[in-house]
Full PDB file with SEQRES, HELIX, SHEET, SSBOND, CRYST1, ORIGX, SCALE, CONECT and MASTER records, all heavy atoms in Angstrom:
SEQRES   1 A   34  SER ARG LEU LEU VAL THR PRO TRP GLY ALA GLY LEU LEU          
SEQRES   2 A   34  LEU LEU THR CYS GLY VAL TRP ILE ALA GLU GLY LEU THR          
SEQRES   3 A   34  LEU THR LEU ILE ALA ASP ALA LEU                              
HELIX    1 AA1 ARG A    2  VAL A    5  5                                   4    
HELIX    2 AA2 PRO A    7  ALA A   33  1                                  27    
CRYST1    1.000    1.000    1.000  90.00  90.00  90.00 P 1           1          
ORIGX1      1.000000  0.000000  0.000000        0.00000                         
ORIGX2      0.000000  1.000000  0.000000        0.00000                         
ORIGX3      0.000000  0.000000  1.000000        0.00000                         
SCALE1      1.000000  0.000000  0.000000        0.00000                         
SCALE2      0.000000  1.000000  0.000000        0.00000                         
SCALE3      0.000000  0.000000  1.000000        0.00000                         
ATOM      1  N   SER A   1     -12.779  30.104 -39.201  1.00  0.00           N  
ATOM      2  CA  SER A   1     -14.057  30.303 -39.889  1.00  0.00           C  
ATOM      3  C   SER A   1     -14.446  31.767 -40.019  1.00  0.00           C  
ATOM      4  O   SER A   1     -15.368  32.089 -40.759  1.00  0.00           O  
ATOM      5  CB  SER A   1     -15.164  29.545 -39.152  1.00  0.00           C  
ATOM      6  OG  SER A   1     -14.913  28.150 -39.159  1.00  0.00           O  
ATOM      7  N   ARG A   2     -13.757  32.655 -39.309  1.00  0.00           N  
ATOM      8  CA  ARG A   2     -14.077  34.070 -39.422  1.00  0.00           C  
ATOM      9  C   ARG A   2     -13.819  34.594 -40.828  1.00  0.00           C  
ATOM     10  O   ARG A   2     -14.433  35.570 -41.259  1.00  0.00           O  
ATOM     11  CB  ARG A   2     -13.238  34.865 -38.416  1.00  0.00           C  
ATOM     12  CG  ARG A   2     -13.510  34.510 -36.960  1.00  0.00           C  
ATOM     13  CD  ARG A   2     -12.546  35.213 -36.036  1.00  0.00           C  
ATOM     14  NE  ARG A   2     -12.728  34.804 -34.645  1.00  0.00           N  
ATOM     15  CZ  ARG A   2     -11.911  35.148 -33.655  1.00  0.00           C  
ATOM     16  NH1 ARG A   2     -10.859  35.918 -33.907  1.00  0.00           N  
ATOM     17  NH2 ARG A   2     -12.139  34.728 -32.425  1.00  0.00           N  
ATOM     18  N   LEU A   3     -12.931  33.942 -41.537  1.00  0.00           N  
ATOM     19  CA  LEU A   3     -12.613  34.347 -42.906  1.00  0.00           C  
ATOM     20  C   LEU A   3     -13.834  34.316 -43.808  1.00  0.00           C  
ATOM     21  O   LEU A   3     -13.930  35.093 -44.773  1.00  0.00           O  
ATOM     22  CB  LEU A   3     -11.531  33.410 -43.459  1.00  0.00           C  
ATOM     23  CG  LEU A   3     -11.206  33.484 -44.953  1.00  0.00           C  
ATOM     24  CD1 LEU A   3     -10.564  34.824 -45.282  1.00  0.00           C  
ATOM     25  CD2 LEU A   3     -10.285  32.338 -45.343  1.00  0.00           C  
ATOM     26  N   LEU A   4     -14.794  33.450 -43.512  1.00  0.00           N  
ATOM     27  CA  LEU A   4     -15.924  33.235 -44.406  1.00  0.00           C  
ATOM     28  C   LEU A   4     -16.823  34.453 -44.531  1.00  0.00           C  
ATOM     29  O   LEU A   4     -17.583  34.559 -45.501  1.00  0.00           O  
ATOM     30  CB  LEU A   4     -16.745  32.032 -43.932  1.00  0.00           C  
ATOM     31  CG  LEU A   4     -15.991  30.696 -43.865  1.00  0.00           C  
ATOM     32  CD1 LEU A   4     -16.922  29.586 -43.418  1.00  0.00           C  
ATOM     33  CD2 LEU A   4     -15.348  30.356 -45.204  1.00  0.00           C  
ATOM     34  N   VAL A   5     -16.770  35.373 -43.581  1.00  0.00           N  
ATOM     35  CA  VAL A   5     -17.630  36.557 -43.632  1.00  0.00           C  
ATOM     36  C   VAL A   5     -16.864  37.772 -44.157  1.00  0.00           C  
ATOM     37  O   VAL A   5     -17.302  38.904 -44.000  1.00  0.00           O  
ATOM     38  CB  VAL A   5     -18.217  36.865 -42.238  1.00  0.00           C  
ATOM     39  CG1 VAL A   5     -19.135  35.747 -41.791  1.00  0.00           C  
ATOM     40  CG2 VAL A   5     -17.109  37.080 -41.213  1.00  0.00           C  
ATOM     41  N   THR A   6     -15.727  37.546 -44.822  1.00  0.00           N  
ATOM     42  CA  THR A   6     -14.929  38.617 -45.418  1.00  0.00           C  
ATOM     43  C   THR A   6     -14.963  38.488 -46.938  1.00  0.00           C  
ATOM     44  O   THR A   6     -15.406  37.465 -47.475  1.00  0.00           O  
ATOM     45  CB  THR A   6     -13.480  38.544 -44.928  1.00  0.00           C  
ATOM     46  OG1 THR A   6     -12.853  37.370 -45.498  1.00  0.00           O  
ATOM     47  CG2 THR A   6     -13.415  38.469 -43.411  1.00  0.00           C  
ATOM     48  N   PRO A   7     -14.490  39.496 -47.677  1.00  0.00           N  
ATOM     49  CA  PRO A   7     -14.388  39.364 -49.136  1.00  0.00           C  
ATOM     50  C   PRO A   7     -13.543  38.174 -49.564  1.00  0.00           C  
ATOM     51  O   PRO A   7     -13.814  37.558 -50.603  1.00  0.00           O  
ATOM     52  CB  PRO A   7     -13.748  40.697 -49.547  1.00  0.00           C  
ATOM     53  CG  PRO A   7     -14.176  41.673 -48.492  1.00  0.00           C  
ATOM     54  CD  PRO A   7     -14.190  40.883 -47.218  1.00  0.00           C  
ATOM     55  N   TRP A   8     -12.527  37.844 -48.775  1.00  0.00           N  
ATOM     56  CA  TRP A   8     -11.734  36.651 -49.091  1.00  0.00           C  
ATOM     57  C   TRP A   8     -12.605  35.400 -49.056  1.00  0.00           C  
ATOM     58  O   TRP A   8     -12.434  34.487 -49.868  1.00  0.00           O  
ATOM     59  CB  TRP A   8     -10.579  36.510 -48.104  1.00  0.00           C  
ATOM     60  CG  TRP A   8      -9.343  37.266 -48.501  1.00  0.00           C  
ATOM     61  CD1 TRP A   8      -8.943  38.490 -48.048  1.00  0.00           C  
ATOM     62  CD2 TRP A   8      -8.371  36.843 -49.459  1.00  0.00           C  
ATOM     63  NE1 TRP A   8      -7.765  38.855 -48.660  1.00  0.00           N  
ATOM     64  CE2 TRP A   8      -7.384  37.870 -49.521  1.00  0.00           C  
ATOM     65  CE3 TRP A   8      -8.215  35.722 -50.260  1.00  0.00           C  
ATOM     66  CZ2 TRP A   8      -6.279  37.791 -50.359  1.00  0.00           C  
ATOM     67  CZ3 TRP A   8      -7.104  35.633 -51.090  1.00  0.00           C  
ATOM     68  CH2 TRP A   8      -6.156  36.655 -51.136  1.00  0.00           C  
ATOM     69  N   GLY A   9     -13.543  35.360 -48.125  1.00  0.00           N  
ATOM     70  CA  GLY A   9     -14.434  34.213 -48.048  1.00  0.00           C  
ATOM     71  C   GLY A   9     -15.291  34.071 -49.292  1.00  0.00           C  
ATOM     72  O   GLY A   9     -15.507  32.966 -49.798  1.00  0.00           O  
ATOM     73  N   ALA A  10     -15.772  35.214 -49.827  1.00  0.00           N  
ATOM     74  CA  ALA A  10     -16.554  35.182 -51.058  1.00  0.00           C  
ATOM     75  C   ALA A  10     -15.702  34.676 -52.223  1.00  0.00           C  
ATOM     76  O   ALA A  10     -16.160  33.890 -53.067  1.00  0.00           O  
ATOM     77  CB  ALA A  10     -17.112  36.570 -51.366  1.00  0.00           C  
ATOM     78  N   GLY A  11     -14.456  35.115 -52.269  1.00  0.00           N  
ATOM     79  CA  GLY A  11     -13.566  34.653 -53.331  1.00  0.00           C  
ATOM     80  C   GLY A  11     -13.293  33.167 -53.232  1.00  0.00           C  
ATOM     81  O   GLY A  11     -13.268  32.454 -54.252  1.00  0.00           O  
ATOM     82  N   LEU A  12     -13.097  32.669 -52.006  1.00  0.00           N  
ATOM     83  CA  LEU A  12     -12.862  31.237 -51.831  1.00  0.00           C  
ATOM     84  C   LEU A  12     -14.103  30.425 -52.181  1.00  0.00           C  
ATOM     85  O   LEU A  12     -14.004  29.290 -52.656  1.00  0.00           O  
ATOM     86  CB  LEU A  12     -12.438  30.946 -50.394  1.00  0.00           C  
ATOM     87  CG  LEU A  12     -11.053  31.442 -49.982  1.00  0.00           C  
ATOM     88  CD1 LEU A  12     -10.750  31.047 -48.539  1.00  0.00           C  
ATOM     89  CD2 LEU A  12      -9.972  30.903 -50.912  1.00  0.00           C  
ATOM     90  N   LEU A  13     -15.288  30.999 -51.964  1.00  0.00           N  
ATOM     91  CA  LEU A  13     -16.514  30.311 -52.350  1.00  0.00           C  
ATOM     92  C   LEU A  13     -16.581  30.154 -53.868  1.00  0.00           C  
ATOM     93  O   LEU A  13     -16.955  29.090 -54.377  1.00  0.00           O  
ATOM     94  CB  LEU A  13     -17.733  31.071 -51.838  1.00  0.00           C  
ATOM     95  CG  LEU A  13     -19.099  30.475 -52.202  1.00  0.00           C  
ATOM     96  CD1 LEU A  13     -19.230  29.054 -51.677  1.00  0.00           C  
ATOM     97  CD2 LEU A  13     -20.225  31.349 -51.651  1.00  0.00           C  
ATOM     98  N   LEU A  14     -16.213  31.208 -54.601  1.00  0.00           N  
ATOM     99  CA  LEU A  14     -16.172  31.115 -56.061  1.00  0.00           C  
ATOM    100  C   LEU A  14     -15.149  30.078 -56.511  1.00  0.00           C  
ATOM    101  O   LEU A  14     -15.396  29.306 -57.447  1.00  0.00           O  
ATOM    102  CB  LEU A  14     -15.852  32.484 -56.664  1.00  0.00           C  
ATOM    103  CG  LEU A  14     -16.943  33.555 -56.541  1.00  0.00           C  
ATOM    104  CD1 LEU A  14     -16.442  34.880 -57.098  1.00  0.00           C  
ATOM    105  CD2 LEU A  14     -18.208  33.112 -57.272  1.00  0.00           C  
ATOM    106  N   LEU A  15     -13.991  30.078 -55.856  1.00  0.00           N  
ATOM    107  CA  LEU A  15     -12.969  29.078 -56.186  1.00  0.00           C  
ATOM    108  C   LEU A  15     -13.499  27.674 -55.938  1.00  0.00           C  
ATOM    109  O   LEU A  15     -13.292  26.759 -56.752  1.00  0.00           O  
ATOM    110  CB  LEU A  15     -11.717  29.327 -55.350  1.00  0.00           C  
ATOM    111  CG  LEU A  15     -10.604  28.273 -55.473  1.00  0.00           C  
ATOM    112  CD1 LEU A  15     -10.014  28.283 -56.874  1.00  0.00           C  
ATOM    113  CD2 LEU A  15      -9.520  28.498 -54.427  1.00  0.00           C  
ATOM    114  N   THR A  16     -14.193  27.486 -54.821  1.00  0.00           N  
ATOM    115  CA  THR A  16     -14.737  26.173 -54.492  1.00  0.00           C  
ATOM    116  C   THR A  16     -15.782  25.730 -55.511  1.00  0.00           C  
ATOM    117  O   THR A  16     -15.844  24.551 -55.887  1.00  0.00           O  
ATOM    118  CB  THR A  16     -15.342  26.197 -53.082  1.00  0.00           C  
ATOM    119  OG1 THR A  16     -14.353  26.646 -52.143  1.00  0.00           O  
ATOM    120  CG2 THR A  16     -15.827  24.819 -52.670  1.00  0.00           C  
ATOM    121  N   CYS A  17     -16.604  26.676 -55.974  1.00  0.00           N  
ATOM    122  CA  CYS A  17     -17.560  26.349 -57.038  1.00  0.00           C  
ATOM    123  C   CYS A  17     -16.831  25.873 -58.287  1.00  0.00           C  
ATOM    124  O   CYS A  17     -17.234  24.900 -58.936  1.00  0.00           O  
ATOM    125  CB  CYS A  17     -18.421  27.569 -57.365  1.00  0.00           C  
ATOM    126  SG  CYS A  17     -19.655  27.995 -56.106  1.00  0.00           S  
ATOM    127  N   GLY A  18     -15.726  26.557 -58.624  1.00  0.00           N  
ATOM    128  CA  GLY A  18     -14.933  26.141 -59.780  1.00  0.00           C  
ATOM    129  C   GLY A  18     -14.365  24.748 -59.610  1.00  0.00           C  
ATOM    130  O   GLY A  18     -14.322  23.951 -60.569  1.00  0.00           O  
ATOM    131  N   VAL A  19     -13.929  24.420 -58.393  1.00  0.00           N  
ATOM    132  CA  VAL A  19     -13.379  23.087 -58.128  1.00  0.00           C  
ATOM    133  C   VAL A  19     -14.453  22.019 -58.323  1.00  0.00           C  
ATOM    134  O   VAL A  19     -14.209  20.968 -58.937  1.00  0.00           O  
ATOM    135  CB  VAL A  19     -12.800  23.022 -56.704  1.00  0.00           C  
ATOM    136  CG1 VAL A  19     -12.484  21.577 -56.315  1.00  0.00           C  
ATOM    137  CG2 VAL A  19     -11.534  23.865 -56.607  1.00  0.00           C  
ATOM    138  N   TRP A  20     -15.671  22.279 -57.822  1.00  0.00           N  
ATOM    139  CA  TRP A  20     -16.735  21.289 -57.979  1.00  0.00           C  
ATOM    140  C   TRP A  20     -17.177  21.161 -59.435  1.00  0.00           C  
ATOM    141  O   TRP A  20     -17.541  20.066 -59.889  1.00  0.00           O  
ATOM    142  CB  TRP A  20     -17.926  21.641 -57.089  1.00  0.00           C  
ATOM    143  CG  TRP A  20     -17.715  21.218 -55.673  1.00  0.00           C  
ATOM    144  CD1 TRP A  20     -17.343  22.000 -54.619  1.00  0.00           C  
ATOM    145  CD2 TRP A  20     -17.834  19.889 -55.159  1.00  0.00           C  
ATOM    146  NE1 TRP A  20     -17.234  21.246 -53.481  1.00  0.00           N  
ATOM    147  CE2 TRP A  20     -17.530  19.941 -53.780  1.00  0.00           C  
ATOM    148  CE3 TRP A  20     -18.165  18.661 -55.728  1.00  0.00           C  
ATOM    149  CZ2 TRP A  20     -17.546  18.813 -52.966  1.00  0.00           C  
ATOM    150  CZ3 TRP A  20     -18.191  17.536 -54.909  1.00  0.00           C  
ATOM    151  CH2 TRP A  20     -17.881  17.622 -53.553  1.00  0.00           C  
ATOM    152  N   ILE A  21     -17.151  22.266 -60.169  1.00  0.00           N  
ATOM    153  CA  ILE A  21     -17.440  22.181 -61.608  1.00  0.00           C  
ATOM    154  C   ILE A  21     -16.413  21.281 -62.285  1.00  0.00           C  
ATOM    155  O   ILE A  21     -16.739  20.434 -63.126  1.00  0.00           O  
ATOM    156  CB  ILE A  21     -17.442  23.587 -62.239  1.00  0.00           C  
ATOM    157  CG1 ILE A  21     -18.664  24.370 -61.758  1.00  0.00           C  
ATOM    158  CG2 ILE A  21     -17.436  23.505 -63.767  1.00  0.00           C  
ATOM    159  CD1 ILE A  21     -18.649  25.836 -62.158  1.00  0.00           C  
ATOM    160  N   ALA A  22     -15.149  21.453 -61.899  1.00  0.00           N  
ATOM    161  CA  ALA A  22     -14.087  20.619 -62.462  1.00  0.00           C  
ATOM    162  C   ALA A  22     -14.242  19.159 -62.069  1.00  0.00           C  
ATOM    163  O   ALA A  22     -13.875  18.264 -62.838  1.00  0.00           O  
ATOM    164  CB  ALA A  22     -12.723  21.148 -62.011  1.00  0.00           C  
ATOM    165  N   GLU A  23     -14.786  18.893 -60.866  1.00  0.00           N  
ATOM    166  CA  GLU A  23     -15.030  17.507 -60.451  1.00  0.00           C  
ATOM    167  C   GLU A  23     -15.964  16.811 -61.438  1.00  0.00           C  
ATOM    168  O   GLU A  23     -15.742  15.665 -61.838  1.00  0.00           O  
ATOM    169  CB  GLU A  23     -15.645  17.481 -59.050  1.00  0.00           C  
ATOM    170  CG  GLU A  23     -14.752  17.980 -57.944  1.00  0.00           C  
ATOM    171  CD  GLU A  23     -13.717  16.975 -57.510  1.00  0.00           C  
ATOM    172  OE1 GLU A  23     -13.739  15.828 -58.016  1.00  0.00           O  
ATOM    173  OE2 GLU A  23     -12.883  17.332 -56.665  1.00  0.00           O  
ATOM    174  N   GLY A  24     -17.035  17.525 -61.812  1.00  0.00           N  
ATOM    175  CA  GLY A  24     -17.946  16.948 -62.793  1.00  0.00           C  
ATOM    176  C   GLY A  24     -17.290  16.758 -64.148  1.00  0.00           C  
ATOM    177  O   GLY A  24     -17.509  15.743 -64.828  1.00  0.00           O  
ATOM    178  N   LEU A  25     -16.465  17.716 -64.555  1.00  0.00           N  
ATOM    179  CA  LEU A  25     -15.759  17.604 -65.832  1.00  0.00           C  
ATOM    180  C   LEU A  25     -14.794  16.418 -65.843  1.00  0.00           C  
ATOM    181  O   LEU A  25     -14.600  15.777 -66.876  1.00  0.00           O  
ATOM    182  CB  LEU A  25     -15.002  18.903 -66.125  1.00  0.00           C  
ATOM    183  CG  LEU A  25     -15.847  20.120 -66.486  1.00  0.00           C  
ATOM    184  CD1 LEU A  25     -14.968  21.359 -66.618  1.00  0.00           C  
ATOM    185  CD2 LEU A  25     -16.622  19.876 -67.785  1.00  0.00           C  
ATOM    186  N   THR A  26     -14.187  16.143 -64.695  1.00  0.00           N  
ATOM    187  CA  THR A  26     -13.273  15.000 -64.613  1.00  0.00           C  
ATOM    188  C   THR A  26     -13.992  13.705 -64.949  1.00  0.00           C  
ATOM    189  O   THR A  26     -13.507  12.892 -65.742  1.00  0.00           O  
ATOM    190  CB  THR A  26     -12.664  14.914 -63.201  1.00  0.00           C  
ATOM    191  OG1 THR A  26     -11.909  16.102 -62.928  1.00  0.00           O  
ATOM    192  CG2 THR A  26     -11.751  13.706 -63.078  1.00  0.00           C  
ATOM    193  N   LEU A  27     -15.163  13.507 -64.352  1.00  0.00           N  
ATOM    194  CA  LEU A  27     -15.924  12.294 -64.647  1.00  0.00           C  
ATOM    195  C   LEU A  27     -16.418  12.290 -66.081  1.00  0.00           C  
ATOM    196  O   LEU A  27     -16.472  11.226 -66.728  1.00  0.00           O  
ATOM    197  CB  LEU A  27     -17.094  12.170 -63.678  1.00  0.00           C  
ATOM    198  CG  LEU A  27     -17.931  10.889 -63.784  1.00  0.00           C  
ATOM    199  CD1 LEU A  27     -17.048   9.655 -63.638  1.00  0.00           C  
ATOM    200  CD2 LEU A  27     -19.037  10.880 -62.735  1.00  0.00           C  
ATOM    201  N   THR A  28     -16.764  13.452 -66.620  1.00  0.00           N  
ATOM    202  CA  THR A  28     -17.197  13.528 -68.019  1.00  0.00           C  
ATOM    203  C   THR A  28     -16.073  13.121 -68.963  1.00  0.00           C  
ATOM    204  O   THR A  28     -16.298  12.400 -69.947  1.00  0.00           O  
ATOM    205  CB  THR A  28     -17.662  14.964 -68.348  1.00  0.00           C  
ATOM    206  OG1 THR A  28     -18.737  15.320 -67.487  1.00  0.00           O  
ATOM    207  CG2 THR A  28     -18.143  15.057 -69.788  1.00  0.00           C  
ATOM    208  N   LEU A  29     -14.852  13.571 -68.684  1.00  0.00           N  
ATOM    209  CA  LEU A  29     -13.698  13.187 -69.509  1.00  0.00           C  
ATOM    210  C   LEU A  29     -13.474  11.687 -69.462  1.00  0.00           C  
ATOM    211  O   LEU A  29     -13.162  11.055 -70.489  1.00  0.00           O  
ATOM    212  CB  LEU A  29     -12.447  13.923 -69.028  1.00  0.00           C  
ATOM    213  CG  LEU A  29     -12.353  15.417 -69.348  1.00  0.00           C  
ATOM    214  CD1 LEU A  29     -11.154  16.038 -68.637  1.00  0.00           C  
ATOM    215  CD2 LEU A  29     -12.243  15.627 -70.862  1.00  0.00           C  
ATOM    216  N   ILE A  30     -13.629  11.099 -68.287  1.00  0.00           N  
ATOM    217  CA  ILE A  30     -13.451   9.650 -68.154  1.00  0.00           C  
ATOM    218  C   ILE A  30     -14.492   8.911 -68.995  1.00  0.00           C  
ATOM    219  O   ILE A  30     -14.171   7.949 -69.705  1.00  0.00           O  
ATOM    220  CB  ILE A  30     -13.545   9.242 -66.678  1.00  0.00           C  
ATOM    221  CG1 ILE A  30     -12.359   9.825 -65.892  1.00  0.00           C  
ATOM    222  CG2 ILE A  30     -13.593   7.725 -66.528  1.00  0.00           C  
ATOM    223  CD1 ILE A  30     -12.493   9.677 -64.388  1.00  0.00           C  
ATOM    224  N   ALA A  31     -15.731   9.353 -68.917  1.00  0.00           N  
ATOM    225  CA  ALA A  31     -16.786   8.716 -69.709  1.00  0.00           C  
ATOM    226  C   ALA A  31     -16.522   8.874 -71.204  1.00  0.00           C  
ATOM    227  O   ALA A  31     -16.686   7.916 -71.976  1.00  0.00           O  
ATOM    228  CB  ALA A  31     -18.141   9.318 -69.342  1.00  0.00           C  
ATOM    229  N   ASP A  32     -16.097  10.064 -71.631  1.00  0.00           N  
ATOM    230  CA  ASP A  32     -15.790  10.284 -73.045  1.00  0.00           C  
ATOM    231  C   ASP A  32     -14.662   9.367 -73.515  1.00  0.00           C  
ATOM    232  O   ASP A  32     -14.680   8.873 -74.655  1.00  0.00           O  
ATOM    233  CB  ASP A  32     -15.393  11.747 -73.286  1.00  0.00           C  
ATOM    234  CG  ASP A  32     -16.582  12.688 -73.192  1.00  0.00           C  
ATOM    235  OD1 ASP A  32     -17.728  12.201 -73.246  1.00  0.00           O  
ATOM    236  OD2 ASP A  32     -16.366  13.912 -73.059  1.00  0.00           O  
ATOM    237  N   ALA A  33     -13.679   9.136 -72.645  1.00  0.00           N  
ATOM    238  CA  ALA A  33     -12.562   8.256 -73.010  1.00  0.00           C  
ATOM    239  C   ALA A  33     -13.030   6.833 -73.261  1.00  0.00           C  
ATOM    240  O   ALA A  33     -12.400   6.083 -74.020  1.00  0.00           O  
ATOM    241  CB  ALA A  33     -11.510   8.271 -71.907  1.00  0.00           C  
ATOM    242  N   LEU A  34     -14.150   6.456 -72.655  1.00  0.00           N  
ATOM    243  CA  LEU A  34     -14.694   5.105 -72.803  1.00  0.00           C  
ATOM    244  C   LEU A  34     -15.868   5.069 -73.774  1.00  0.00           C  
ATOM    245  O   LEU A  34     -16.581   4.064 -73.859  1.00  0.00           O  
ATOM    246  CB  LEU A  34     -15.144   4.589 -71.437  1.00  0.00           C  
ATOM    247  CG  LEU A  34     -14.027   4.445 -70.391  1.00  0.00           C  
ATOM    248  CD1 LEU A  34     -14.615   4.233 -69.002  1.00  0.00           C  
ATOM    249  CD2 LEU A  34     -13.106   3.294 -70.760  1.00  0.00           C  
TER     250      LEU A  34                                                      
MASTER        0    0    0    2    0    0    0    6  249    1    0    3          
END                                                                             
């Protein structure tokens, strides 16, 4: 957990935000398909 207070931690937080944005897009694509 020490990584979280480094610049790498900030970068991983941005990556994690991108992953959660993609989670919502995944469900949106499924709904559009139907």
